[in-house]
Amino acid sequence: MLDIGEKISSLRKKHNLSQTDLAKQVGVSRTIIGNYERNSNSPSIEILSKIATTFNVSIDFLVGQGQLASYNKEVLKRINDIENLDEETRGKLFFLIDNVIQNFKTKQAFSK
């Protein structure tokens, strides 16, 4: 299977959880979490769903597939919210976003 283990380990550490803490939250043993992180075992879809919920990411993110796999649920929610804006408001938001990005890129270019 894909390198789910690395993502689980990374997310677990990012959220300051031990393997035992994560195991309790998803209803498996610490040994099983260790096996997932080493890619010795692959989680079932049920456990994968619980892990995704624990870290507020999509299953696609964990398995690294799908067009939006690199985005967490917070980013996806914002994209969905933007998609639901009226055209004029969305245009203004894109103008603002484009300016912030341009400013960031300019700062990066001059700091090198």
PDB file of N, CA and C in Angstrom:
ATOM      1  N   MET A   1       0.837  -1.188   0.000  1.00  0.00           N
ATOM      2  CA  MET A   1       0.000   0.000   0.000  1.00  0.00           C
ATOM      3  C   MET A   1       0.876   1.243   0.000  1.00  0.00           C
ATOM      4  N   LEU A   2       0.267   2.381  -0.104  1.00  0.00           N
ATOM      5  CA  LEU A   2       0.982   3.645  -0.150  1.00  0.00           C
ATOM      6  C   LEU A   2       1.661   3.926   1.181  1.00  0.00           C
ATOM      7  N   ASP A   3       2.440   4.974   1.246  1.00  0.00           N
ATOM      8  CA  ASP A   3       3.173   5.295   2.467  1.00  0.00           C
ATOM      9  C   ASP A   3       2.291   6.048   3.462  1.00  0.00           C
ATOM     10  N   ILE A   4       1.243   5.395   3.879  1.00  0.00           N
ATOM     11  CA  ILE A   4       0.322   5.962   4.860  1.00  0.00           C
ATOM     12  C   ILE A   4       1.030   6.123   6.198  1.00  0.00           C
ATOM     13  N   GLY A   5       1.915   5.187   6.497  1.00  0.00           N
ATOM     14  CA  GLY A   5       2.611   5.192   7.784  1.00  0.00           C
ATOM     15  C   GLY A   5       3.340   6.484   8.066  1.00  0.00           C
ATOM     16  N   GLU A   6       4.019   6.997   7.077  1.00  0.00           N
ATOM     17  CA  GLU A   6       4.758   8.246   7.258  1.00  0.00           C
ATOM     18  C   GLU A   6       3.806   9.403   7.558  1.00  0.00           C
ATOM     19  N   LYS A   7       2.665   9.431   6.870  1.00  0.00           N
ATOM     20  CA  LYS A   7       1.696  10.500   7.116  1.00  0.00           C
ATOM     21  C   LYS A   7       1.083  10.376   8.504  1.00  0.00           C
ATOM     22  N   ILE A   8       0.756   9.156   8.901  1.00  0.00           N
ATOM     23  CA  ILE A   8       0.188   8.958  10.242  1.00  0.00           C
ATOM     24  C   ILE A   8       1.195   9.407  11.294  1.00  0.00           C
ATOM     25  N   SER A   9       2.427   8.989  11.153  1.00  0.00           N
ATOM     26  CA  SER A   9       3.475   9.353  12.107  1.00  0.00           C
ATOM     27  C   SER A   9       3.670  10.865  12.160  1.00  0.00           C
ATOM     28  N   SER A  10       3.732  11.479  11.008  1.00  0.00           N
ATOM     29  CA  SER A  10       3.928  12.928  10.933  1.00  0.00           C
ATOM     30  C   SER A  10       2.768  13.684  11.578  1.00  0.00           C
ATOM     31  N   LEU A  11       1.550  13.280  11.263  1.00  0.00           N
ATOM     32  CA  LEU A  11       0.378  13.939  11.848  1.00  0.00           C
ATOM     33  C   LEU A  11       0.316  13.719  13.363  1.00  0.00           C
ATOM     34  N   ARG A  12       0.650  12.513  13.782  1.00  0.00           N
ATOM     35  CA  ARG A  12       0.625  12.197  15.215  1.00  0.00           C
ATOM     36  C   ARG A  12       1.599  13.093  15.974  1.00  0.00           C
ATOM     37  N   LYS A  13       2.800  13.238  15.434  1.00  0.00           N
ATOM     38  CA  LYS A  13       3.810  14.080  16.082  1.00  0.00           C
ATOM     39  C   LYS A  13       3.415  15.553  16.041  1.00  0.00           C
ATOM     40  N   LYS A  14       2.842  15.978  14.925  1.00  0.00           N
ATOM     41  CA  LYS A  14       2.394  17.368  14.774  1.00  0.00           C
ATOM     42  C   LYS A  14       1.331  17.708  15.824  1.00  0.00           C
ATOM     43  N   HIS A  15       0.494  16.726  16.164  1.00  0.00           N
ATOM     44  CA  HIS A  15      -0.559  16.937  17.148  1.00  0.00           C
ATOM     45  C   HIS A  15      -0.121  16.544  18.567  1.00  0.00           C
ATOM     46  N   ASN A  16       1.160  16.278  18.731  1.00  0.00           N
ATOM     47  CA  ASN A  16       1.736  15.928  20.042  1.00  0.00           C
ATOM     48  C   ASN A  16       1.013  14.762  20.704  1.00  0.00           C
ATOM     49  N   LEU A  17       0.757  13.732  19.918  1.00  0.00           N
ATOM     50  CA  LEU A  17       0.130  12.514  20.441  1.00  0.00           C
ATOM     51  C   LEU A  17       1.152  11.383  20.459  1.00  0.00           C
ATOM     52  N   SER A  18       1.100  10.579  21.476  1.00  0.00           N
ATOM     53  CA  SER A  18       1.913   9.358  21.480  1.00  0.00           C
ATOM     54  C   SER A  18       1.173   8.305  20.667  1.00  0.00           C
ATOM     55  N   GLN A  19       1.848   7.217  20.366  1.00  0.00           N
ATOM     56  CA  GLN A  19       1.178   6.122  19.684  1.00  0.00           C
ATOM     57  C   GLN A  19       0.031   5.592  20.544  1.00  0.00           C
ATOM     58  N   THR A  20       0.234   5.563  21.835  1.00  0.00           N
ATOM     59  CA  THR A  20      -0.801   5.101  22.758  1.00  0.00           C
ATOM     60  C   THR A  20      -2.018   6.022  22.727  1.00  0.00           C
ATOM     61  N   ASP A  21      -1.765   7.341  22.713  1.00  0.00           N
ATOM     62  CA  ASP A  21      -2.874   8.304  22.653  1.00  0.00           C
ATOM     63  C   ASP A  21      -3.696   8.106  21.381  1.00  0.00           C
ATOM     64  N   LEU A  22      -3.012   7.990  20.251  1.00  0.00           N
ATOM     65  CA  LEU A  22      -3.712   7.801  18.984  1.00  0.00           C
ATOM     66  C   LEU A  22      -4.464   6.469  18.986  1.00  0.00           C
ATOM     67  N   ALA A  23      -3.825   5.448  19.510  1.00  0.00           N
ATOM     68  CA  ALA A  23      -4.454   4.124  19.566  1.00  0.00           C
ATOM     69  C   ALA A  23      -5.771   4.184  20.346  1.00  0.00           C
ATOM     70  N   LYS A  24      -5.773   4.880  21.480  1.00  0.00           N
ATOM     71  CA  LYS A  24      -6.998   5.009  22.280  1.00  0.00           C
ATOM     72  C   LYS A  24      -8.080   5.748  21.500  1.00  0.00           C
ATOM     73  N   GLN A  25      -7.691   6.780  20.766  1.00  0.00           N
ATOM     74  CA  GLN A  25      -8.680   7.580  20.037  1.00  0.00           C
ATOM     75  C   GLN A  25      -9.333   6.810  18.892  1.00  0.00           C
ATOM     76  N   VAL A  26      -8.572   5.904  18.269  1.00  0.00           N
ATOM     77  CA  VAL A  26      -9.137   5.176  17.118  1.00  0.00           C
ATOM     78  C   VAL A  26      -9.562   3.748  17.474  1.00  0.00           C
ATOM     79  N   GLY A  27      -9.291   3.322  18.718  1.00  0.00           N
ATOM     80  CA  GLY A  27      -9.770   2.023  19.171  1.00  0.00           C
ATOM     81  C   GLY A  27      -8.940   0.833  18.737  1.00  0.00           C
ATOM     82  N   VAL A  28      -7.626   1.022  18.684  1.00  0.00           N
ATOM     83  CA  VAL A  28      -6.716  -0.094  18.393  1.00  0.00           C
ATOM     84  C   VAL A  28      -5.589  -0.068  19.422  1.00  0.00           C
ATOM     85  N   SER A  29      -4.683  -1.034  19.349  1.00  0.00           N
ATOM     86  CA  SER A  29      -3.560  -1.064  20.286  1.00  0.00           C
ATOM     87  C   SER A  29      -2.413  -0.180  19.788  1.00  0.00           C
ATOM     88  N   ARG A  30      -1.529   0.155  20.732  1.00  0.00           N
ATOM     89  CA  ARG A  30      -0.345   0.936  20.382  1.00  0.00           C
ATOM     90  C   ARG A  30       0.518   0.178  19.374  1.00  0.00           C
ATOM     91  N   THR A  31       0.576  -1.140  19.527  1.00  0.00           N
ATOM     92  CA  THR A  31       1.357  -1.975  18.610  1.00  0.00           C
ATOM     93  C   THR A  31       0.842  -1.847  17.182  1.00  0.00           C
ATOM     94  N   ILE A  32      -0.473  -1.819  17.036  1.00  0.00           N
ATOM     95  CA  ILE A  32      -1.071  -1.675  15.703  1.00  0.00           C
ATOM     96  C   ILE A  32      -0.688  -0.327  15.087  1.00  0.00           C
ATOM     97  N   ILE A  33      -0.745   0.740  15.886  1.00  0.00           N
ATOM     98  CA  ILE A  33      -0.351   2.068  15.379  1.00  0.00           C
ATOM     99  C   ILE A  33       1.111   2.019  14.930  1.00  0.00           C
ATOM    100  N   GLY A  34       1.961   1.400  15.721  1.00  0.00           N
ATOM    101  CA  GLY A  34       3.365   1.246  15.339  1.00  0.00           C
ATOM    102  C   GLY A  34       3.514   0.495  14.025  1.00  0.00           C
ATOM    103  N   ASN A  35       2.722  -0.568  13.871  1.00  0.00           N
ATOM    104  CA  ASN A  35       2.753  -1.333  12.612  1.00  0.00           C
ATOM    105  C   ASN A  35       2.304  -0.485  11.429  1.00  0.00           C
ATOM    106  N   TYR A  36       1.264   0.337  11.628  1.00  0.00           N
ATOM    107  CA  TYR A  36       0.819   1.232  10.555  1.00  0.00           C
ATOM    108  C   TYR A  36       1.935   2.200  10.173  1.00  0.00           C
ATOM    109  N   GLU A  37       2.578   2.778  11.192  1.00  0.00           N
ATOM    110  CA  GLU A  37       3.625   3.772  10.940  1.00  0.00           C
ATOM    111  C   GLU A  37       4.845   3.166  10.245  1.00  0.00           C
ATOM    112  N   ARG A  38       5.101   1.900  10.481  1.00  0.00           N
ATOM    113  CA  ARG A  38       6.212   1.214   9.807  1.00  0.00           C
ATOM    114  C   ARG A  38       5.770   0.594   8.484  1.00  0.00           C
ATOM    115  N   ASN A  39       4.506   0.774   8.144  1.00  0.00           N
ATOM    116  CA  ASN A  39       3.918   0.179   6.939  1.00  0.00           C
ATOM    117  C   ASN A  39       3.977  -1.348   6.964  1.00  0.00           C
ATOM    118  N   SER A  40       4.009  -1.938   8.176  1.00  0.00           N
ATOM    119  CA  SER A  40       3.959  -3.391   8.311  1.00  0.00           C
ATOM    120  C   SER A  40       2.538  -3.899   8.107  1.00  0.00           C
ATOM    121  N   ASN A  41       1.574  -3.107   8.540  1.00  0.00           N
ATOM    122  CA  ASN A  41       0.153  -3.400   8.363  1.00  0.00           C
ATOM    123  C   ASN A  41      -0.507  -2.178   7.741  1.00  0.00           C
ATOM    124  N   SER A  42      -1.622  -2.410   7.072  1.00  0.00           N
ATOM    125  CA  SER A  42      -2.411  -1.306   6.522  1.00  0.00           C
ATOM    126  C   SER A  42      -3.716  -1.212   7.278  1.00  0.00           C
ATOM    127  N   PRO A  43      -4.119   0.000   7.641  1.00  0.00           N
ATOM    128  CA  PRO A  43      -5.377   0.140   8.373  1.00  0.00           C
ATOM    129  C   PRO A  43      -6.584  -0.182   7.495  1.00  0.00           C
ATOM    130  N   SER A  44      -7.626  -0.705   8.120  1.00  0.00           N
ATOM    131  CA  SER A  44      -8.884  -0.927   7.403  1.00  0.00           C
ATOM    132  C   SER A  44      -9.478   0.437   7.074  1.00  0.00           C
ATOM    133  N   ILE A  45     -10.451   0.465   6.203  1.00  0.00           N
ATOM    134  CA  ILE A  45     -11.091   1.727   5.841  1.00  0.00           C
ATOM    135  C   ILE A  45     -11.754   2.351   7.070  1.00  0.00           C
ATOM    136  N   GLU A  46     -12.279   1.522   7.959  1.00  0.00           N
ATOM    137  CA  GLU A  46     -12.906   2.037   9.188  1.00  0.00           C
ATOM    138  C   GLU A  46     -11.877   2.743  10.069  1.00  0.00           C
ATOM    139  N   ILE A  47     -10.734   2.123  10.271  1.00  0.00           N
ATOM    140  CA  ILE A  47      -9.682   2.720  11.099  1.00  0.00           C
ATOM    141  C   ILE A  47      -9.081   3.934  10.386  1.00  0.00           C
ATOM    142  N   LEU A  48      -8.902   3.819   9.081  1.00  0.00           N
ATOM    143  CA  LEU A  48      -8.394   4.950   8.301  1.00  0.00           C
ATOM    144  C   LEU A  48      -9.317   6.158   8.458  1.00  0.00           C
ATOM    145  N   SER A  49     -10.611   5.911   8.442  1.00  0.00           N
ATOM    146  CA  SER A  49     -11.594   6.982   8.621  1.00  0.00           C
ATOM    147  C   SER A  49     -11.475   7.605  10.013  1.00  0.00           C
ATOM    148  N   LYS A  50     -11.280   6.776  11.032  1.00  0.00           N
ATOM    149  CA  LYS A  50     -11.120   7.287  12.400  1.00  0.00           C
ATOM    150  C   LYS A  50      -9.835   8.109  12.531  1.00  0.00           C
ATOM    151  N   ILE A  51      -8.771   7.654  11.893  1.00  0.00           N
ATOM    152  CA  ILE A  51      -7.503   8.401  11.933  1.00  0.00           C
ATOM    153  C   ILE A  51      -7.677   9.740  11.222  1.00  0.00           C
ATOM    154  N   ALA A  52      -8.328   9.726  10.072  1.00  0.00           N
ATOM    155  CA  ALA A  52      -8.571  10.965   9.320  1.00  0.00           C
ATOM    156  C   ALA A  52      -9.391  11.943  10.158  1.00  0.00           C
ATOM    157  N   THR A  53     -10.414  11.437  10.826  1.00  0.00           N
ATOM    158  CA  THR A  53     -11.255  12.289  11.678  1.00  0.00           C
ATOM    159  C   THR A  53     -10.447  12.857  12.837  1.00  0.00           C
ATOM    160  N   THR A  54      -9.608  12.032  13.446  1.00  0.00           N
ATOM    161  CA  THR A  54      -8.781  12.478  14.565  1.00  0.00           C
ATOM    162  C   THR A  54      -7.903  13.658  14.170  1.00  0.00           C
ATOM    163  N   PHE A  55      -7.337  13.600  12.963  1.00  0.00           N
ATOM    164  CA  PHE A  55      -6.414  14.646  12.523  1.00  0.00           C
ATOM    165  C   PHE A  55      -7.065  15.705  11.634  1.00  0.00           C
ATOM    166  N   ASN A  56      -8.388  15.584  11.426  1.00  0.00           N
ATOM    167  CA  ASN A  56      -9.131  16.535  10.607  1.00  0.00           C
ATOM    168  C   ASN A  56      -8.556  16.645   9.195  1.00  0.00           C
ATOM    169  N   VAL A  57      -8.276  15.491   8.608  1.00  0.00           N
ATOM    170  CA  VAL A  57      -7.820  15.421   7.218  1.00  0.00           C
ATOM    171  C   VAL A  57      -8.720  14.445   6.474  1.00  0.00           C
ATOM    172  N   SER A  58      -8.617  14.429   5.171  1.00  0.00           N
ATOM    173  CA  SER A  58      -9.409  13.486   4.392  1.00  0.00           C
ATOM    174  C   SER A  58      -8.677  12.152   4.274  1.00  0.00           C
ATOM    175  N   ILE A  59      -9.427  11.120   3.967  1.00  0.00           N
ATOM    176  CA  ILE A  59      -8.805   9.820   3.706  1.00  0.00           C
ATOM    177  C   ILE A  59      -7.888   9.940   2.495  1.00  0.00           C
ATOM    178  N   ASP A  60      -8.318  10.706   1.480  1.00  0.00           N
ATOM    179  CA  ASP A  60      -7.472  10.947   0.307  1.00  0.00           C
ATOM    180  C   ASP A  60      -6.112  11.509   0.714  1.00  0.00           C
ATOM    181  N   PHE A  61      -6.123  12.416   1.693  1.00  0.00           N
ATOM    182  CA  PHE A  61      -4.865  12.994   2.170  1.00  0.00           C
ATOM    183  C   PHE A  61      -3.964  11.907   2.746  1.00  0.00           C
ATOM    184  N   LEU A  62      -4.544  11.016   3.550  1.00  0.00           N
ATOM    185  CA  LEU A  62      -3.746   9.956   4.171  1.00  0.00           C
ATOM    186  C   LEU A  62      -3.169   8.988   3.149  1.00  0.00           C
ATOM    187  N   VAL A  63      -3.953   8.640   2.141  1.00  0.00           N
ATOM    188  CA  VAL A  63      -3.469   7.671   1.162  1.00  0.00           C
ATOM    189  C   VAL A  63      -2.745   8.342   0.003  1.00  0.00           C
ATOM    190  N   GLY A  64      -2.779   9.684  -0.028  1.00  0.00           N
ATOM    191  CA  GLY A  64      -2.027  10.415  -1.042  1.00  0.00           C
ATOM    192  C   GLY A  64      -2.587  10.282  -2.435  1.00  0.00           C
ATOM    193  N   GLN A  65      -3.894  10.111  -2.540  1.00  0.00           N
ATOM    194  CA  GLN A  65      -4.507   9.975  -3.852  1.00  0.00           C
ATOM    195  C   GLN A  65      -5.592  11.021  -4.020  1.00  0.00           C
ATOM    196  N   GLY A  66      -5.968  11.245  -5.237  1.00  0.00           N
ATOM    197  CA  GLY A  66      -7.025  12.192  -5.525  1.00  0.00           C
ATOM    198  C   GLY A  66      -6.468  13.568  -5.800  1.00  0.00           C
ATOM    199  N   GLN A  67      -7.229  14.345  -6.498  1.00  0.00           N
ATOM    200  CA  GLN A  67      -6.792  15.671  -6.914  1.00  0.00           C
ATOM    201  C   GLN A  67      -6.512  16.587  -5.727  1.00  0.00           C
ATOM    202  N   LEU A  68      -7.263  16.454  -4.654  1.00  0.00           N
ATOM    203  CA  LEU A  68      -7.126  17.352  -3.507  1.00  0.00           C
ATOM    204  C   LEU A  68      -6.421  16.695  -2.323  1.00  0.00           C
ATOM    205  N   ALA A  69      -5.690  15.641  -2.586  1.00  0.00           N
ATOM    206  CA  ALA A  69      -5.083  14.860  -1.506  1.00  0.00           C
ATOM    207  C   ALA A  69      -4.101  15.650  -0.653  1.00  0.00           C
ATOM    208  N   SER A  70      -3.508  16.694  -1.197  1.00  0.00           N
ATOM    209  CA  SER A  70      -2.520  17.445  -0.421  1.00  0.00           C
ATOM    210  C   SER A  70      -3.157  18.486   0.495  1.00  0.00           C
ATOM    211  N   TYR A  71      -4.483  18.650   0.433  1.00  0.00           N
ATOM    212  CA  TYR A  71      -5.155  19.648   1.244  1.00  0.00           C
ATOM    213  C   TYR A  71      -5.818  19.015   2.452  1.00  0.00           C
ATOM    214  N   ASN A  72      -5.744  19.711   3.596  1.00  0.00           N
ATOM    215  CA  ASN A  72      -6.462  19.210   4.757  1.00  0.00           C
ATOM    216  C   ASN A  72      -7.900  19.717   4.709  1.00  0.00           C
ATOM    217  N   LYS A  73      -8.733  19.250   5.611  1.00  0.00           N
ATOM    218  CA  LYS A  73     -10.149  19.581   5.573  1.00  0.00           C
ATOM    219  C   LYS A  73     -10.406  21.071   5.744  1.00  0.00           C
ATOM    220  N   GLU A  74      -9.564  21.746   6.506  1.00  0.00           N
ATOM    221  CA  GLU A  74      -9.730  23.182   6.725  1.00  0.00           C
ATOM    222  C   GLU A  74      -9.576  23.944   5.409  1.00  0.00           C
ATOM    223  N   VAL A  75      -8.580  23.580   4.622  1.00  0.00           N
ATOM    224  CA  VAL A  75      -8.366  24.216   3.323  1.00  0.00           C
ATOM    225  C   VAL A  75      -9.513  23.872   2.382  1.00  0.00           C
ATOM    226  N   LEU A  76      -9.935  22.617   2.372  1.00  0.00           N
ATOM    227  CA  LEU A  76     -11.045  22.204   1.505  1.00  0.00           C
ATOM    228  C   LEU A  76     -12.335  22.935   1.860  1.00  0.00           C
ATOM    229  N   LYS A  77     -12.578  23.147   3.156  1.00  0.00           N
ATOM    230  CA  LYS A  77     -13.774  23.881   3.573  1.00  0.00           C
ATOM    231  C   LYS A  77     -13.719  25.302   3.044  1.00  0.00           C
ATOM    232  N   ARG A  78     -12.560  25.928   3.125  1.00  0.00           N
ATOM    233  CA  ARG A  78     -12.427  27.299   2.625  1.00  0.00           C
ATOM    234  C   ARG A  78     -12.624  27.354   1.116  1.00  0.00           C
ATOM    235  N   ILE A  79     -12.087  26.384   0.420  1.00  0.00           N
ATOM    236  CA  ILE A  79     -12.277  26.341  -1.036  1.00  0.00           C
ATOM    237  C   ILE A  79     -13.763  26.211  -1.351  1.00  0.00           C
ATOM    238  N   ASN A  80     -14.444  25.353  -0.616  1.00  0.00           N
ATOM    239  CA  ASN A  80     -15.880  25.177  -0.823  1.00  0.00           C
ATOM    240  C   ASN A  80     -16.638  26.468  -0.514  1.00  0.00           C
ATOM    241  N   ASP A  81     -16.266  27.148   0.571  1.00  0.00           N
ATOM    242  CA  ASP A  81     -16.911  28.413   0.924  1.00  0.00           C
ATOM    243  C   ASP A  81     -16.705  29.457  -0.166  1.00  0.00           C
ATOM    244  N   ILE A  82     -15.499  29.530  -0.712  1.00  0.00           N
ATOM    245  CA  ILE A  82     -15.214  30.479  -1.785  1.00  0.00           C
ATOM    246  C   ILE A  82     -16.052  30.145  -3.012  1.00  0.00           C
ATOM    247  N   GLU A  83     -16.162  28.870  -3.307  1.00  0.00           N
ATOM    248  CA  GLU A  83     -16.936  28.424  -4.465  1.00  0.00           C
ATOM    249  C   GLU A  83     -18.401  28.855  -4.352  1.00  0.00           C
ATOM    250  N   ASN A  84     -18.906  28.972  -3.122  1.00  0.00           N
ATOM    251  CA  ASN A  84     -20.306  29.329  -2.910  1.00  0.00           C
ATOM    252  C   ASN A  84     -20.562  30.834  -2.850  1.00  0.00           C
ATOM    253  N   LEU A  85     -19.510  31.638  -2.938  1.00  0.00           N
ATOM    254  CA  LEU A  85     -19.682  33.092  -2.942  1.00  0.00           C
ATOM    255  C   LEU A  85     -20.272  33.550  -4.275  1.00  0.00           C
ATOM    256  N   ASP A  86     -20.916  34.730  -4.246  1.00  0.00           N
ATOM    257  CA  ASP A  86     -21.386  35.287  -5.513  1.00  0.00           C
ATOM    258  C   ASP A  86     -20.172  35.744  -6.326  1.00  0.00           C
ATOM    259  N   GLU A  87     -20.365  35.900  -7.614  1.00  0.00           N
ATOM    260  CA  GLU A  87     -19.259  36.164  -8.540  1.00  0.00           C
ATOM    261  C   GLU A  87     -18.494  37.442  -8.184  1.00  0.00           C
ATOM    262  N   GLU A  88     -19.192  38.491  -7.808  1.00  0.00           N
ATOM    263  CA  GLU A  88     -18.533  39.763  -7.485  1.00  0.00           C
ATOM    264  C   GLU A  88     -17.657  39.627  -6.242  1.00  0.00           C
ATOM    265  N   THR A  89     -18.196  39.005  -5.201  1.00  0.00           N
ATOM    266  CA  THR A  89     -17.437  38.817  -3.959  1.00  0.00           C
ATOM    267  C   THR A  89     -16.234  37.913  -4.196  1.00  0.00           C
ATOM    268  N   ARG A  90     -16.443  36.844  -4.967  1.00  0.00           N
ATOM    269  CA  ARG A  90     -15.347  35.930  -5.283  1.00  0.00           C
ATOM    270  C   ARG A  90     -14.253  36.665  -6.050  1.00  0.00           C
ATOM    271  N   GLY A  91     -14.618  37.529  -6.979  1.00  0.00           N
ATOM    272  CA  GLY A  91     -13.639  38.314  -7.739  1.00  0.00           C
ATOM    273  C   GLY A  91     -12.808  39.214  -6.834  1.00  0.00           C
ATOM    274  N   LYS A  92     -13.479  39.858  -5.869  1.00  0.00           N
ATOM    275  CA  LYS A  92     -12.768  40.726  -4.915  1.00  0.00           C
ATOM    276  C   LYS A  92     -11.806  39.908  -4.053  1.00  0.00           C
ATOM    277  N   LEU A  93     -12.274  38.735  -3.619  1.00  0.00           N
ATOM    278  CA  LEU A  93     -11.423  37.871  -2.799  1.00  0.00           C
ATOM    279  C   LEU A  93     -10.203  37.411  -3.586  1.00  0.00           C
ATOM    280  N   PHE A  94     -10.394  37.012  -4.843  1.00  0.00           N
ATOM    281  CA  PHE A  94      -9.269  36.589  -5.678  1.00  0.00           C
ATOM    282  C   PHE A  94      -8.286  37.731  -5.890  1.00  0.00           C
ATOM    283  N   PHE A  95      -8.797  38.951  -6.065  1.00  0.00           N
ATOM    284  CA  PHE A  95      -7.931  40.122  -6.218  1.00  0.00           C
ATOM    285  C   PHE A  95      -7.058  40.281  -4.977  1.00  0.00           C
ATOM    286  N   LEU A  96      -7.683  40.172  -3.799  1.00  0.00           N
ATOM    287  CA  LEU A  96      -6.948  40.285  -2.537  1.00  0.00           C
ATOM    288  C   LEU A  96      -5.910  39.167  -2.403  1.00  0.00           C
ATOM    289  N   ILE A  97      -6.319  37.948  -2.660  1.00  0.00           N
ATOM    290  CA  ILE A  97      -5.409  36.799  -2.567  1.00  0.00           C
ATOM    291  C   ILE A  97      -4.225  36.974  -3.523  1.00  0.00           C
ATOM    292  N   ASP A  98      -4.505  37.382  -4.763  1.00  0.00           N
ATOM    293  CA  ASP A  98      -3.442  37.582  -5.753  1.00  0.00           C
ATOM    294  C   ASP A  98      -2.442  38.624  -5.282  1.00  0.00           C
ATOM    295  N   ASN A  99      -2.934  39.703  -4.655  1.00  0.00           N
ATOM    296  CA  ASN A  99      -2.033  40.743  -4.153  1.00  0.00           C
ATOM    297  C   ASN A  99      -1.186  40.259  -2.993  1.00  0.00           C
ATOM    298  N   VAL A 100      -1.770  39.488  -2.096  1.00  0.00           N
ATOM    299  CA  VAL A 100      -1.013  38.940  -0.962  1.00  0.00           C
ATOM    300  C   VAL A 100       0.071  37.995  -1.465  1.00  0.00           C
ATOM    301  N   ILE A 101      -0.281  37.146  -2.423  1.00  0.00           N
ATOM    302  CA  ILE A 101       0.695  36.208  -2.990  1.00  0.00           C
ATOM    303  C   ILE A 101       1.810  36.962  -3.707  1.00  0.00           C
ATOM    304  N   GLN A 102       1.457  37.973  -4.486  1.00  0.00           N
ATOM    305  CA  GLN A 102       2.460  38.779  -5.201  1.00  0.00           C
ATOM    306  C   GLN A 102       3.411  39.441  -4.206  1.00  0.00           C
ATOM    307  N   ASN A 103       2.860  39.990  -3.128  1.00  0.00           N
ATOM    308  CA  ASN A 103       3.667  40.634  -2.098  1.00  0.00           C
ATOM    309  C   ASN A 103       4.617  39.626  -1.452  1.00  0.00           C
ATOM    310  N   PHE A 104       4.126  38.438  -1.151  1.00  0.00           N
ATOM    311  CA  PHE A 104       4.948  37.393  -0.544  1.00  0.00           C
ATOM    312  C   PHE A 104       6.093  36.992  -1.474  1.00  0.00           C
ATOM    313  N   LYS A 105       5.774  36.787  -2.751  1.00  0.00           N
ATOM    314  CA  LYS A 105       6.805  36.397  -3.717  1.00  0.00           C
ATOM    315  C   LYS A 105       7.845  37.490  -3.889  1.00  0.00           C
ATOM    316  N   THR A 106       7.422  38.737  -3.871  1.00  0.00           N
ATOM    317  CA  THR A 106       8.357  39.863  -3.990  1.00  0.00           C
ATOM    318  C   THR A 106       9.298  39.902  -2.799  1.00  0.00           C
ATOM    319  N   LYS A 107       8.755  39.742  -1.598  1.00  0.00           N
ATOM    320  CA  LYS A 107       9.583  39.709  -0.392  1.00  0.00           C
ATOM    321  C   LYS A 107      10.595  38.578  -0.441  1.00  0.00           C
ATOM    322  N   GLN A 108      10.157  37.406  -0.919  1.00  0.00           N
ATOM    323  CA  GLN A 108      11.067  36.270  -1.019  1.00  0.00           C
ATOM    324  C   GLN A 108      12.180  36.558  -2.019  1.00  0.00           C
ATOM    325  N   ALA A 109      11.847  37.159  -3.132  1.00  0.00           N
ATOM    326  CA  ALA A 109      12.837  37.440  -4.170  1.00  0.00           C
ATOM    327  C   ALA A 109      13.902  38.416  -3.683  1.00  0.00           C
ATOM    328  N   PHE A 110      13.496  39.409  -2.901  1.00  0.00           N
ATOM    329  CA  PHE A 110      14.455  40.405  -2.444  1.00  0.00           C
ATOM    330  C   PHE A 110      15.214  39.979  -1.196  1.00  0.00           C
ATOM    331  N   SER A 111      14.769  38.932  -0.533  1.00  0.00           N
ATOM    332  CA  SER A 111      15.468  38.475   0.668  1.00  0.00           C
ATOM    333  C   SER A 111      16.602  37.499   0.334  1.00  0.00           C
ATOM    334  N   LYS A 112      16.695  37.102  -0.918  1.00  0.00           N
ATOM    335  CA  LYS A 112      17.720  36.127  -1.312  1.00  0.00           C
ATOM    336  C   LYS A 112      19.023  36.788  -1.638  1.00  0.00           C
TER     337      LYS A 112
END
